[in-house]
Amino acid sequence: MENRLTDSAIKAMSAAEAAAISMSQGYVGSEHIMIGLLSAEGVAKRVLEENGVFYDRFLELVNKLLMPGNVAVTSVGNLTPRAGKIIALAAKEANRLNSDKIGTEHILMSLLKEGESVAVRIL
């Protein structure tokens, strides 16, 4: 799937992994994906910021909500089932919109459509 991601989406997913590591979480969840989307330049970041969602505030809310874990993430393969579903839905969104690549906009759309994630509750 990673070979279908745009450069911005790859950067967002790398930032999501880095966020999980810095929070000592043993997984990459929707909240980390949202942090990644707010970290990487792309359509998703612009849309979020135009709607009043900014990196610093979102990160602050995540840190208040989540307790640090004691297992470090070592690869993006540690997606939670819901985060994995969000990425799979992003591929479907890209296909639906006739895009060969999965961009940050597709990830954001799938995250919002999935609707039951930690990231959406924080929003």
PDB file of N, CA and C in Angstrom:
ATOM      1  N   MET A   1       0.827  -1.191   0.000  1.00  0.00           N
ATOM      2  CA  MET A   1       0.000   0.000   0.000  1.00  0.00           C
ATOM      3  C   MET A   1       0.870   1.252   0.000  1.00  0.00           C
ATOM      4  N   GLU A   2       2.025   1.207   0.677  1.00  0.00           N
ATOM      5  CA  GLU A   2       2.855   2.401   0.786  1.00  0.00           C
ATOM      6  C   GLU A   2       3.293   2.925  -0.578  1.00  0.00           C
ATOM      7  N   ASN A   3       3.428   2.041  -1.567  1.00  0.00           N
ATOM      8  CA  ASN A   3       3.835   2.504  -2.893  1.00  0.00           C
ATOM      9  C   ASN A   3       2.739   3.315  -3.578  1.00  0.00           C
ATOM     10  N   ARG A   4       1.525   3.295  -3.045  1.00  0.00           N
ATOM     11  CA  ARG A   4       0.430   4.109  -3.587  1.00  0.00           C
ATOM     12  C   ARG A   4       0.308   5.453  -2.885  1.00  0.00           C
ATOM     13  N   LEU A   5       1.014   5.661  -1.795  1.00  0.00           N
ATOM     14  CA  LEU A   5       0.920   6.912  -1.048  1.00  0.00           C
ATOM     15  C   LEU A   5       1.678   8.030  -1.751  1.00  0.00           C
ATOM     16  N   THR A   6       1.106   9.232  -1.714  1.00  0.00           N
ATOM     17  CA  THR A   6       1.827  10.410  -2.210  1.00  0.00           C
ATOM     18  C   THR A   6       2.972  10.718  -1.247  1.00  0.00           C
ATOM     19  N   ASP A   7       3.879  11.575  -1.685  1.00  0.00           N
ATOM     20  CA  ASP A   7       4.983  11.971  -0.803  1.00  0.00           C
ATOM     21  C   ASP A   7       4.451  12.592   0.486  1.00  0.00           C
ATOM     22  N   SER A   8       3.416  13.423   0.371  1.00  0.00           N
ATOM     23  CA  SER A   8       2.830  14.045   1.572  1.00  0.00           C
ATOM     24  C   SER A   8       2.225  13.000   2.496  1.00  0.00           C
ATOM     25  N   ALA A   9       1.563  12.009   1.933  1.00  0.00           N
ATOM     26  CA  ALA A   9       0.958  10.954   2.753  1.00  0.00           C
ATOM     27  C   ALA A   9       2.031  10.108   3.437  1.00  0.00           C
ATOM     28  N   ILE A  10       3.128   9.856   2.735  1.00  0.00           N
ATOM     29  CA  ILE A  10       4.242   9.118   3.352  1.00  0.00           C
ATOM     30  C   ILE A  10       4.801   9.918   4.520  1.00  0.00           C
ATOM     31  N   LYS A  11       4.975  11.225   4.319  1.00  0.00           N
ATOM     32  CA  LYS A  11       5.476  12.085   5.397  1.00  0.00           C
ATOM     33  C   LYS A  11       4.505  12.114   6.568  1.00  0.00           C
ATOM     34  N   ALA A  12       3.209  12.147   6.266  1.00  0.00           N
ATOM     35  CA  ALA A  12       2.203  12.152   7.333  1.00  0.00           C
ATOM     36  C   ALA A  12       2.247  10.855   8.133  1.00  0.00           C
ATOM     37  N   MET A  13       2.375   9.733   7.448  1.00  0.00           N
ATOM     38  CA  MET A  13       2.411   8.450   8.165  1.00  0.00           C
ATOM     39  C   MET A  13       3.714   8.303   8.953  1.00  0.00           C
ATOM     40  N   SER A  14       4.808   8.836   8.427  1.00  0.00           N
ATOM     41  CA  SER A  14       6.071   8.832   9.183  1.00  0.00           C
ATOM     42  C   SER A  14       5.953   9.706  10.422  1.00  0.00           C
ATOM     43  N   ALA A  15       5.278  10.852  10.280  1.00  0.00           N
ATOM     44  CA  ALA A  15       5.059  11.740  11.426  1.00  0.00           C
ATOM     45  C   ALA A  15       4.128  11.082  12.440  1.00  0.00           C
ATOM     46  N   ALA A  16       3.167  10.303  11.964  1.00  0.00           N
ATOM     47  CA  ALA A  16       2.273   9.578  12.867  1.00  0.00           C
ATOM     48  C   ALA A  16       3.066   8.571  13.694  1.00  0.00           C
ATOM     49  N   GLU A  17       3.957   7.852  13.031  1.00  0.00           N
ATOM     50  CA  GLU A  17       4.810   6.896  13.733  1.00  0.00           C
ATOM     51  C   GLU A  17       5.700   7.606  14.745  1.00  0.00           C
ATOM     52  N   ALA A  18       6.282   8.733  14.350  1.00  0.00           N
ATOM     53  CA  ALA A  18       7.142   9.499  15.258  1.00  0.00           C
ATOM     54  C   ALA A  18       6.352  10.002  16.463  1.00  0.00           C
ATOM     55  N   ALA A  19       5.108  10.419  16.233  1.00  0.00           N
ATOM     56  CA  ALA A  19       4.263  10.879  17.346  1.00  0.00           C
ATOM     57  C   ALA A  19       3.997   9.739  18.316  1.00  0.00           C
ATOM     58  N   ALA A  20       3.697   8.563  17.789  1.00  0.00           N
ATOM     59  CA  ALA A  20       3.449   7.408  18.656  1.00  0.00           C
ATOM     60  C   ALA A  20       4.690   7.080  19.480  1.00  0.00           C
ATOM     61  N   ILE A  21       5.845   7.120  18.837  1.00  0.00           N
ATOM     62  CA  ILE A  21       7.099   6.837  19.539  1.00  0.00           C
ATOM     63  C   ILE A  21       7.341   7.872  20.639  1.00  0.00           C
ATOM     64  N   SER A  22       7.144   9.150  20.308  1.00  0.00           N
ATOM     65  CA  SER A  22       7.415  10.203  21.295  1.00  0.00           C
ATOM     66  C   SER A  22       6.447  10.133  22.473  1.00  0.00           C
ATOM     67  N   MET A  23       5.273   9.559  22.254  1.00  0.00           N
ATOM     68  CA  MET A  23       4.285   9.413  23.325  1.00  0.00           C
ATOM     69  C   MET A  23       4.398   8.067  24.039  1.00  0.00           C
ATOM     70  N   SER A  24       5.400   7.301  23.655  1.00  0.00           N
ATOM     71  CA  SER A  24       5.622   5.963  24.222  1.00  0.00           C
ATOM     72  C   SER A  24       4.400   5.061  24.068  1.00  0.00           C
ATOM     73  N   GLN A  25       3.730   5.189  22.927  1.00  0.00           N
ATOM     74  CA  GLN A  25       2.585   4.339  22.629  1.00  0.00           C
ATOM     75  C   GLN A  25       3.075   3.122  21.840  1.00  0.00           C
ATOM     76  N   GLY A  26       2.514   1.978  22.088  1.00  0.00           N
ATOM     77  CA  GLY A  26       2.897   0.749  21.403  1.00  0.00           C
ATOM     78  C   GLY A  26       2.109   0.511  20.142  1.00  0.00           C
ATOM     79  N   TYR A  27       1.536   1.548  19.595  1.00  0.00           N
ATOM     80  CA  TYR A  27       0.686   1.413  18.409  1.00  0.00           C
ATOM     81  C   TYR A  27       0.609   2.758  17.703  1.00  0.00           C
ATOM     82  N   VAL A  28       0.160   2.735  16.464  1.00  0.00           N
ATOM     83  CA  VAL A  28      -0.161   3.957  15.724  1.00  0.00           C
ATOM     84  C   VAL A  28      -1.672   3.950  15.553  1.00  0.00           C
ATOM     85  N   GLY A  29      -2.333   4.893  16.207  1.00  0.00           N
ATOM     86  CA  GLY A  29      -3.788   4.990  16.156  1.00  0.00           C
ATOM     87  C   GLY A  29      -4.243   6.189  15.342  1.00  0.00           C
ATOM     88  N   SER A  30      -5.533   6.361  15.286  1.00  0.00           N
ATOM     89  CA  SER A  30      -6.109   7.467  14.509  1.00  0.00           C
ATOM     90  C   SER A  30      -5.615   8.817  15.001  1.00  0.00           C
ATOM     91  N   GLU A  31      -5.411   8.935  16.304  1.00  0.00           N
ATOM     92  CA  GLU A  31      -4.920  10.198  16.860  1.00  0.00           C
ATOM     93  C   GLU A  31      -3.525  10.524  16.348  1.00  0.00           C
ATOM     94  N   HIS A  32      -2.702   9.490  16.191  1.00  0.00           N
ATOM     95  CA  HIS A  32      -1.357   9.694  15.653  1.00  0.00           C
ATOM     96  C   HIS A  32      -1.429  10.036  14.161  1.00  0.00           C
ATOM     97  N   ILE A  33      -2.354   9.392  13.454  1.00  0.00           N
ATOM     98  CA  ILE A  33      -2.543   9.703  12.034  1.00  0.00           C
ATOM     99  C   ILE A  33      -2.947  11.172  11.879  1.00  0.00           C
ATOM    100  N   MET A  34      -3.855  11.643  12.736  1.00  0.00           N
ATOM    101  CA  MET A  34      -4.278  13.046  12.656  1.00  0.00           C
ATOM    102  C   MET A  34      -3.098  13.976  12.938  1.00  0.00           C
ATOM    103  N   ILE A  35      -2.283  13.639  13.912  1.00  0.00           N
ATOM    104  CA  ILE A  35      -1.082  14.426  14.189  1.00  0.00           C
ATOM    105  C   ILE A  35      -0.185  14.447  12.954  1.00  0.00           C
ATOM    106  N   GLY A  36      -0.062  13.292  12.310  1.00  0.00           N
ATOM    107  CA  GLY A  36       0.729  13.213  11.080  1.00  0.00           C
ATOM    108  C   GLY A  36       0.167  14.085   9.980  1.00  0.00           C
ATOM    109  N   LEU A  37      -1.150  14.074   9.822  1.00  0.00           N
ATOM    110  CA  LEU A  37      -1.787  14.915   8.802  1.00  0.00           C
ATOM    111  C   LEU A  37      -1.553  16.395   9.073  1.00  0.00           C
ATOM    112  N   LEU A  38      -1.521  16.760  10.351  1.00  0.00           N
ATOM    113  CA  LEU A  38      -1.276  18.156  10.724  1.00  0.00           C
ATOM    114  C   LEU A  38       0.204  18.525  10.652  1.00  0.00           C
ATOM    115  N   SER A  39       1.072  17.515  10.529  1.00  0.00           N
ATOM    116  CA  SER A  39       2.518  17.743  10.469  1.00  0.00           C
ATOM    117  C   SER A  39       3.028  17.893   9.045  1.00  0.00           C
ATOM    118  N   ALA A  40       2.389  17.216   8.118  1.00  0.00           N
ATOM    119  CA  ALA A  40       2.886  17.168   6.737  1.00  0.00           C
ATOM    120  C   ALA A  40       2.132  18.157   5.858  1.00  0.00           C
ATOM    121  N   GLU A  41       2.865  18.889   5.046  1.00  0.00           N
ATOM    122  CA  GLU A  41       2.224  19.804   4.105  1.00  0.00           C
ATOM    123  C   GLU A  41       1.383  18.983   3.142  1.00  0.00           C
ATOM    124  N   GLY A  42       0.153  19.411   2.940  1.00  0.00           N
ATOM    125  CA  GLY A  42      -0.730  18.711   2.029  1.00  0.00           C
ATOM    126  C   GLY A  42      -2.139  19.251   2.135  1.00  0.00           C
ATOM    127  N   VAL A  43      -3.009  18.652   1.360  1.00  0.00           N
ATOM    128  CA  VAL A  43      -4.405  19.089   1.318  1.00  0.00           C
ATOM    129  C   VAL A  43      -5.057  18.947   2.691  1.00  0.00           C
ATOM    130  N   ALA A  44      -4.821  17.841   3.364  1.00  0.00           N
ATOM    131  CA  ALA A  44      -5.470  17.605   4.665  1.00  0.00           C
ATOM    132  C   ALA A  44      -5.091  18.690   5.671  1.00  0.00           C
ATOM    133  N   LYS A  45      -3.815  19.035   5.742  1.00  0.00           N
ATOM    134  CA  LYS A  45      -3.381  20.066   6.684  1.00  0.00           C
ATOM    135  C   LYS A  45      -4.070  21.389   6.389  1.00  0.00           C
ATOM    136  N   ARG A  46      -4.144  21.757   5.105  1.00  0.00           N
ATOM    137  CA  ARG A  46      -4.803  23.015   4.739  1.00  0.00           C
ATOM    138  C   ARG A  46      -6.272  23.000   5.136  1.00  0.00           C
ATOM    139  N   VAL A  47      -6.963  21.902   4.859  1.00  0.00           N
ATOM    140  CA  VAL A  47      -8.391  21.803   5.190  1.00  0.00           C
ATOM    141  C   VAL A  47      -8.590  21.872   6.696  1.00  0.00           C
ATOM    142  N   LEU A  48      -7.777  21.143   7.440  1.00  0.00           N
ATOM    143  CA  LEU A  48      -7.908  21.145   8.898  1.00  0.00           C
ATOM    144  C   LEU A  48      -7.660  22.545   9.465  1.00  0.00           C
ATOM    145  N   GLU A  49      -6.590  23.181   9.024  1.00  0.00           N
ATOM    146  CA  GLU A  49      -6.269  24.509   9.542  1.00  0.00           C
ATOM    147  C   GLU A  49      -7.320  25.539   9.143  1.00  0.00           C
ATOM    148  N   GLU A  50      -7.859  25.428   7.938  1.00  0.00           N
ATOM    149  CA  GLU A  50      -8.925  26.347   7.512  1.00  0.00           C
ATOM    150  C   GLU A  50     -10.182  26.184   8.368  1.00  0.00           C
ATOM    151  N   ASN A  51     -10.281  25.040   9.034  1.00  0.00           N
ATOM    152  CA  ASN A  51     -11.430  24.768   9.897  1.00  0.00           C
ATOM    153  C   ASN A  51     -11.064  24.823  11.376  1.00  0.00           C
ATOM    154  N   GLY A  52      -9.949  25.487  11.681  1.00  0.00           N
ATOM    155  CA  GLY A  52      -9.581  25.753  13.068  1.00  0.00           C
ATOM    156  C   GLY A  52      -8.917  24.622  13.818  1.00  0.00           C
ATOM    157  N   VAL A  53      -8.420  23.622  13.112  1.00  0.00           N
ATOM    158  CA  VAL A  53      -7.723  22.508  13.760  1.00  0.00           C
ATOM    159  C   VAL A  53      -6.234  22.696  13.503  1.00  0.00           C
ATOM    160  N   PHE A  54      -5.483  22.893  14.597  1.00  0.00           N
ATOM    161  CA  PHE A  54      -4.052  23.167  14.483  1.00  0.00           C
ATOM    162  C   PHE A  54      -3.256  22.138  15.269  1.00  0.00           C
ATOM    163  N   TYR A  55      -2.054  21.878  14.798  1.00  0.00           N
ATOM    164  CA  TYR A  55      -1.168  20.861  15.363  1.00  0.00           C
ATOM    165  C   TYR A  55      -1.020  20.989  16.876  1.00  0.00           C
ATOM    166  N   ASP A  56      -0.606  22.157  17.341  1.00  0.00           N
ATOM    167  CA  ASP A  56      -0.299  22.319  18.770  1.00  0.00           C
ATOM    168  C   ASP A  56      -1.497  22.009  19.660  1.00  0.00           C
ATOM    169  N   ARG A  57      -2.644  22.513  19.299  1.00  0.00           N
ATOM    170  CA  ARG A  57      -3.846  22.299  20.114  1.00  0.00           C
ATOM    171  C   ARG A  57      -4.289  20.843  20.066  1.00  0.00           C
ATOM    172  N   PHE A  58      -4.239  20.226  18.885  1.00  0.00           N
ATOM    173  CA  PHE A  58      -4.635  18.830  18.774  1.00  0.00           C
ATOM    174  C   PHE A  58      -3.688  17.951  19.594  1.00  0.00           C
ATOM    175  N   LEU A  59      -2.387  18.214  19.495  1.00  0.00           N
ATOM    176  CA  LEU A  59      -1.401  17.448  20.260  1.00  0.00           C
ATOM    177  C   LEU A  59      -1.635  17.610  21.759  1.00  0.00           C
ATOM    178  N   GLU A  60      -1.939  18.820  22.186  1.00  0.00           N
ATOM    179  CA  GLU A  60      -2.235  19.078  23.604  1.00  0.00           C
ATOM    180  C   GLU A  60      -3.416  18.228  24.073  1.00  0.00           C
ATOM    181  N   LEU A  61      -4.467  18.165  23.273  1.00  0.00           N
ATOM    182  CA  LEU A  61      -5.652  17.379  23.635  1.00  0.00           C
ATOM    183  C   LEU A  61      -5.347  15.888  23.657  1.00  0.00           C
ATOM    184  N   VAL A  62      -4.555  15.421  22.706  1.00  0.00           N
ATOM    185  CA  VAL A  62      -4.160  14.005  22.692  1.00  0.00           C
ATOM    186  C   VAL A  62      -3.377  13.683  23.951  1.00  0.00           C
ATOM    187  N   ASN A  63      -2.429  14.537  24.299  1.00  0.00           N
ATOM    188  CA  ASN A  63      -1.619  14.285  25.490  1.00  0.00           C
ATOM    189  C   ASN A  63      -2.447  14.278  26.772  1.00  0.00           C
ATOM    190  N   LYS A  64      -3.500  15.088  26.831  1.00  0.00           N
ATOM    191  CA  LYS A  64      -4.381  15.081  27.994  1.00  0.00           C
ATOM    192  C   LYS A  64      -5.209  13.806  28.059  1.00  0.00           C
ATOM    193  N   LEU A  65      -5.572  13.298  26.904  1.00  0.00           N
ATOM    194  CA  LEU A  65      -6.455  12.142  26.836  1.00  0.00           C
ATOM    195  C   LEU A  65      -5.729  10.824  27.037  1.00  0.00           C
ATOM    196  N   LEU A  66      -4.554  10.690  26.447  1.00  0.00           N
ATOM    197  CA  LEU A  66      -3.844   9.410  26.433  1.00  0.00           C
ATOM    198  C   LEU A  66      -2.778   9.342  27.509  1.00  0.00           C
ATOM    199  N   MET A  67      -2.665   8.197  28.086  1.00  0.00           N
ATOM    200  CA  MET A  67      -1.584   7.931  29.028  1.00  0.00           C
ATOM    201  C   MET A  67      -0.422   7.337  28.247  1.00  0.00           C
ATOM    202  N   PRO A  68       0.804   7.721  28.575  1.00  0.00           N
ATOM    203  CA  PRO A  68       1.938   7.125  27.867  1.00  0.00           C
ATOM    204  C   PRO A  68       1.980   5.618  28.115  1.00  0.00           C
ATOM    205  N   GLY A  69       2.372   4.903  27.104  1.00  0.00           N
ATOM    206  CA  GLY A  69       2.529   3.454  27.233  1.00  0.00           C
ATOM    207  C   GLY A  69       3.947   3.146  27.640  1.00  0.00           C
ATOM    208  N   ASN A  70       4.244   1.875  27.693  1.00  0.00           N
ATOM    209  CA  ASN A  70       5.613   1.514  28.015  1.00  0.00           C
ATOM    210  C   ASN A  70       6.207   0.601  26.949  1.00  0.00           C
ATOM    211  N   VAL A  71       5.632   0.645  25.745  1.00  0.00           N
ATOM    212  CA  VAL A  71       6.156  -0.106  24.620  1.00  0.00           C
ATOM    213  C   VAL A  71       6.405   0.876  23.487  1.00  0.00           C
ATOM    214  N   ALA A  72       7.599   0.890  22.956  1.00  0.00           N
ATOM    215  CA  ALA A  72       7.915   1.800  21.860  1.00  0.00           C
ATOM    216  C   ALA A  72       7.482   1.202  20.530  1.00  0.00           C
ATOM    217  N   VAL A  73       6.985   2.031  19.667  1.00  0.00           N
ATOM    218  CA  VAL A  73       6.631   1.605  18.320  1.00  0.00           C
ATOM    219  C   VAL A  73       7.906   1.518  17.508  1.00  0.00           C
ATOM    220  N   THR A  74       8.045   0.454  16.759  1.00  0.00           N
ATOM    221  CA  THR A  74       9.246   0.297  15.940  1.00  0.00           C
ATOM    222  C   THR A  74       8.951   0.323  14.453  1.00  0.00           C
ATOM    223  N   SER A  75       7.671   0.212  14.067  1.00  0.00           N
ATOM    224  CA  SER A  75       7.336   0.284  12.651  1.00  0.00           C
ATOM    225  C   SER A  75       5.877   0.662  12.489  1.00  0.00           C
ATOM    226  N   VAL A  76       5.540   1.168  11.313  1.00  0.00           N
ATOM    227  CA  VAL A  76       4.170   1.551  11.037  1.00  0.00           C
ATOM    228  C   VAL A  76       3.270   0.320  10.973  1.00  0.00           C
ATOM    229  N   GLY A  77       3.846  -0.865  10.914  1.00  0.00           N
ATOM    230  CA  GLY A  77       3.063  -2.089  10.924  1.00  0.00           C
ATOM    231  C   GLY A  77       2.259  -2.250  12.192  1.00  0.00           C
ATOM    232  N   ASN A  78       2.488  -1.399  13.179  1.00  0.00           N
ATOM    233  CA  ASN A  78       1.776  -1.466  14.446  1.00  0.00           C
ATOM    234  C   ASN A  78       0.505  -0.628  14.439  1.00  0.00           C
ATOM    235  N   LEU A  79      -0.161  -0.528  13.297  1.00  0.00           N
ATOM    236  CA  LEU A  79      -1.425   0.205  13.230  1.00  0.00           C
ATOM    237  C   LEU A  79      -2.482  -0.522  14.052  1.00  0.00           C
ATOM    238  N   THR A  80      -3.289   0.251  14.762  1.00  0.00           N
ATOM    239  CA  THR A  80      -4.432  -0.360  15.436  1.00  0.00           C
ATOM    240  C   THR A  80      -5.390  -0.869  14.362  1.00  0.00           C
ATOM    241  N   PRO A  81      -6.298  -1.777  14.706  1.00  0.00           N
ATOM    242  CA  PRO A  81      -7.271  -2.226  13.700  1.00  0.00           C
ATOM    243  C   PRO A  81      -8.055  -1.066  13.087  1.00  0.00           C
ATOM    244  N   ARG A  82      -8.450  -0.111  13.899  1.00  0.00           N
ATOM    245  CA  ARG A  82      -9.197   1.038  13.376  1.00  0.00           C
ATOM    246  C   ARG A  82      -8.325   1.879  12.447  1.00  0.00           C
ATOM    247  N   ALA A  83      -7.072   2.112  12.811  1.00  0.00           N
ATOM    248  CA  ALA A  83      -6.164   2.881  11.954  1.00  0.00           C
ATOM    249  C   ALA A  83      -5.926   2.144  10.640  1.00  0.00           C
ATOM    250  N   GLY A  84      -5.792   0.835  10.714  1.00  0.00           N
ATOM    251  CA  GLY A  84      -5.652   0.038   9.500  1.00  0.00           C
ATOM    252  C   GLY A  84      -6.877   0.166   8.608  1.00  0.00           C
ATOM    253  N   LYS A  85      -8.047   0.185   9.237  1.00  0.00           N
ATOM    254  CA  LYS A  85      -9.295   0.362   8.488  1.00  0.00           C
ATOM    255  C   LYS A  85      -9.327   1.734   7.829  1.00  0.00           C
ATOM    256  N   ILE A  86      -8.862   2.753   8.526  1.00  0.00           N
ATOM    257  CA  ILE A  86      -8.836   4.112   7.979  1.00  0.00           C
ATOM    258  C   ILE A  86      -7.951   4.158   6.731  1.00  0.00           C
ATOM    259  N   ILE A  87      -6.798   3.520   6.783  1.00  0.00           N
ATOM    260  CA  ILE A  87      -5.896   3.518   5.625  1.00  0.00           C
ATOM    261  C   ILE A  87      -6.510   2.720   4.477  1.00  0.00           C
ATOM    262  N   ALA A  88      -7.164   1.607   4.788  1.00  0.00           N
ATOM    263  CA  ALA A  88      -7.837   0.826   3.737  1.00  0.00           C
ATOM    264  C   ALA A  88      -8.965   1.642   3.100  1.00  0.00           C
ATOM    265  N   LEU A  89      -9.713   2.365   3.923  1.00  0.00           N
ATOM    266  CA  LEU A  89     -10.777   3.225   3.398  1.00  0.00           C
ATOM    267  C   LEU A  89     -10.201   4.363   2.554  1.00  0.00           C
ATOM    268  N   ALA A  90      -9.010   4.839   2.907  1.00  0.00           N
ATOM    269  CA  ALA A  90      -8.361   5.891   2.121  1.00  0.00           C
ATOM    270  C   ALA A  90      -8.054   5.388   0.714  1.00  0.00           C
ATOM    271  N   ALA A  91      -7.644   4.139   0.609  1.00  0.00           N
ATOM    272  CA  ALA A  91      -7.391   3.552  -0.714  1.00  0.00           C
ATOM    273  C   ALA A  91      -8.686   3.496  -1.515  1.00  0.00           C
ATOM    274  N   LYS A  92      -9.789   3.153  -0.865  1.00  0.00           N
ATOM    275  CA  LYS A  92     -11.088   3.122  -1.549  1.00  0.00           C
ATOM    276  C   LYS A  92     -11.512   4.520  -1.983  1.00  0.00           C
ATOM    277  N   GLU A  93     -11.248   5.522  -1.136  1.00  0.00           N
ATOM    278  CA  GLU A  93     -11.569   6.908  -1.484  1.00  0.00           C
ATOM    279  C   GLU A  93     -10.767   7.337  -2.709  1.00  0.00           C
ATOM    280  N   ALA A  94      -9.487   7.004  -2.728  1.00  0.00           N
ATOM    281  CA  ALA A  94      -8.643   7.358  -3.872  1.00  0.00           C
ATOM    282  C   ALA A  94      -9.185   6.699  -5.142  1.00  0.00           C
ATOM    283  N   ASN A  95      -9.543   5.422  -5.041  1.00  0.00           N
ATOM    284  CA  ASN A  95     -10.111   4.717  -6.200  1.00  0.00           C
ATOM    285  C   ASN A  95     -11.413   5.368  -6.638  1.00  0.00           C
ATOM    286  N   ARG A  96     -12.262   5.691  -5.681  1.00  0.00           N
ATOM    287  CA  ARG A  96     -13.560   6.300  -5.991  1.00  0.00           C
ATOM    288  C   ARG A  96     -13.385   7.621  -6.724  1.00  0.00           C
ATOM    289  N   LEU A  97     -12.330   8.337  -6.379  1.00  0.00           N
ATOM    290  CA  LEU A  97     -12.066   9.636  -6.990  1.00  0.00           C
ATOM    291  C   LEU A  97     -11.102   9.538  -8.176  1.00  0.00           C
ATOM    292  N   ASN A  98     -10.889   8.305  -8.651  1.00  0.00           N
ATOM    293  CA  ASN A  98     -10.035   8.048  -9.824  1.00  0.00           C
ATOM    294  C   ASN A  98      -8.611   8.556  -9.655  1.00  0.00           C
ATOM    295  N   SER A  99      -8.081   8.391  -8.467  1.00  0.00           N
ATOM    296  CA  SER A  99      -6.708   8.797  -8.194  1.00  0.00           C
ATOM    297  C   SER A  99      -5.839   7.553  -8.074  1.00  0.00           C
ATOM    298  N   ASP A 100      -4.702   7.566  -8.748  1.00  0.00           N
ATOM    299  CA  ASP A 100      -3.760   6.455  -8.651  1.00  0.00           C
ATOM    300  C   ASP A 100      -3.051   6.433  -7.305  1.00  0.00           C
ATOM    301  N   LYS A 101      -2.939   7.602  -6.700  1.00  0.00           N
ATOM    302  CA  LYS A 101      -2.220   7.744  -5.438  1.00  0.00           C
ATOM    303  C   LYS A 101      -3.167   8.054  -4.290  1.00  0.00           C
ATOM    304  N   ILE A 102      -2.764   7.640  -3.095  1.00  0.00           N
ATOM    305  CA  ILE A 102      -3.512   7.939  -1.871  1.00  0.00           C
ATOM    306  C   ILE A 102      -2.854   9.154  -1.240  1.00  0.00           C
ATOM    307  N   GLY A 103      -3.610  10.246  -1.174  1.00  0.00           N
ATOM    308  CA  GLY A 103      -3.075  11.483  -0.616  1.00  0.00           C
ATOM    309  C   GLY A 103      -3.584  11.730   0.790  1.00  0.00           C
ATOM    310  N   THR A 104      -3.071  12.780   1.390  1.00  0.00           N
ATOM    311  CA  THR A 104      -3.510  13.129   2.740  1.00  0.00           C
ATOM    312  C   THR A 104      -5.004  13.428   2.769  1.00  0.00           C
ATOM    313  N   GLU A 105      -5.523  13.963   1.667  1.00  0.00           N
ATOM    314  CA  GLU A 105      -6.955  14.256   1.596  1.00  0.00           C
ATOM    315  C   GLU A 105      -7.793  12.989   1.681  1.00  0.00           C
ATOM    316  N   HIS A 106      -7.311  11.900   1.077  1.00  0.00           N
ATOM    317  CA  HIS A 106      -8.037  10.630   1.131  1.00  0.00           C
ATOM    318  C   HIS A 106      -8.002  10.047   2.546  1.00  0.00           C
ATOM    319  N   ILE A 107      -6.853  10.198   3.197  1.00  0.00           N
ATOM    320  CA  ILE A 107      -6.728   9.710   4.575  1.00  0.00           C
ATOM    321  C   ILE A 107      -7.660  10.503   5.481  1.00  0.00           C
ATOM    322  N   LEU A 108      -7.695  11.818   5.322  1.00  0.00           N
ATOM    323  CA  LEU A 108      -8.581  12.655   6.134  1.00  0.00           C
ATOM    324  C   LEU A 108     -10.043  12.300   5.880  1.00  0.00           C
ATOM    325  N   MET A 109     -10.428  12.147   4.622  1.00  0.00           N
ATOM    326  CA  MET A 109     -11.822  11.787   4.318  1.00  0.00           C
ATOM    327  C   MET A 109     -12.196  10.462   4.955  1.00  0.00           C
ATOM    328  N   SER A 110     -11.310   9.482   4.873  1.00  0.00           N
ATOM    329  CA  SER A 110     -11.633   8.174   5.443  1.00  0.00           C
ATOM    330  C   SER A 110     -11.684   8.232   6.969  1.00  0.00           C
ATOM    331  N   LEU A 111     -10.808   9.024   7.569  1.00  0.00           N
ATOM    332  CA  LEU A 111     -10.815   9.187   9.014  1.00  0.00           C
ATOM    333  C   LEU A 111     -12.143   9.786   9.468  1.00  0.00           C
ATOM    334  N   LEU A 112     -12.595  10.803   8.762  1.00  0.00           N
ATOM    335  CA  LEU A 112     -13.860  11.446   9.121  1.00  0.00           C
ATOM    336  C   LEU A 112     -15.063  10.535   8.839  1.00  0.00           C
ATOM    337  N   LYS A 113     -15.027   9.820   7.736  1.00  0.00           N
ATOM    338  CA  LYS A 113     -16.135   8.920   7.397  1.00  0.00           C
ATOM    339  C   LYS A 113     -16.223   7.749   8.366  1.00  0.00           C
ATOM    340  N   GLU A 114     -15.071   7.247   8.810  1.00  0.00           N
ATOM    341  CA  GLU A 114     -15.063   6.129   9.752  1.00  0.00           C
ATOM    342  C   GLU A 114     -15.778   6.548  11.029  1.00  0.00           C
ATOM    343  N   GLY A 115     -15.490   7.743  11.506  1.00  0.00           N
ATOM    344  CA  GLY A 115     -16.285   8.413  12.517  1.00  0.00           C
ATOM    345  C   GLY A 115     -16.234   7.955  13.957  1.00  0.00           C
ATOM    346  N   GLU A 116     -15.656   6.819  14.259  1.00  0.00           N
ATOM    347  CA  GLU A 116     -15.675   6.313  15.641  1.00  0.00           C
ATOM    348  C   GLU A 116     -14.305   6.341  16.306  1.00  0.00           C
ATOM    349  N   SER A 117     -13.366   7.012  15.711  1.00  0.00           N
ATOM    350  CA  SER A 117     -11.985   6.946  16.198  1.00  0.00           C
ATOM    351  C   SER A 117     -11.717   7.965  17.301  1.00  0.00           C
ATOM    352  N   VAL A 118     -10.595   7.766  17.971  1.00  0.00           N
ATOM    353  CA  VAL A 118     -10.147   8.707  18.986  1.00  0.00           C
ATOM    354  C   VAL A 118      -9.954  10.088  18.354  1.00  0.00           C
ATOM    355  N   ALA A 119      -9.353  10.129  17.178  1.00  0.00           N
ATOM    356  CA  ALA A 119      -9.101  11.409  16.496  1.00  0.00           C
ATOM    357  C   ALA A 119     -10.398  12.176  16.272  1.00  0.00           C
ATOM    358  N   VAL A 120     -11.439  11.506  15.838  1.00  0.00           N
ATOM    359  CA  VAL A 120     -12.726  12.177  15.572  1.00  0.00           C
ATOM    360  C   VAL A 120     -13.334  12.651  16.880  1.00  0.00           C
ATOM    361  N   ARG A 121     -13.235  11.861  17.923  1.00  0.00           N
ATOM    362  CA  ARG A 121     -13.765  12.298  19.219  1.00  0.00           C
ATOM    363  C   ARG A 121     -13.034  13.538  19.716  1.00  0.00           C
ATOM    364  N   ILE A 122     -11.731  13.610  19.493  1.00  0.00           N
ATOM    365  CA  ILE A 122     -10.969  14.790  19.904  1.00  0.00           C
ATOM    366  C   ILE A 122     -11.393  16.005  19.080  1.00  0.00           C
ATOM    367  N   LEU A 123     -11.607  15.808  17.785  1.00  0.00           N
ATOM    368  CA  LEU A 123     -12.060  16.921  16.951  1.00  0.00           C
ATOM    369  C   LEU A 123     -13.345  17.490  17.491  1.00  0.00           C
TER     370      LEU A 123
END
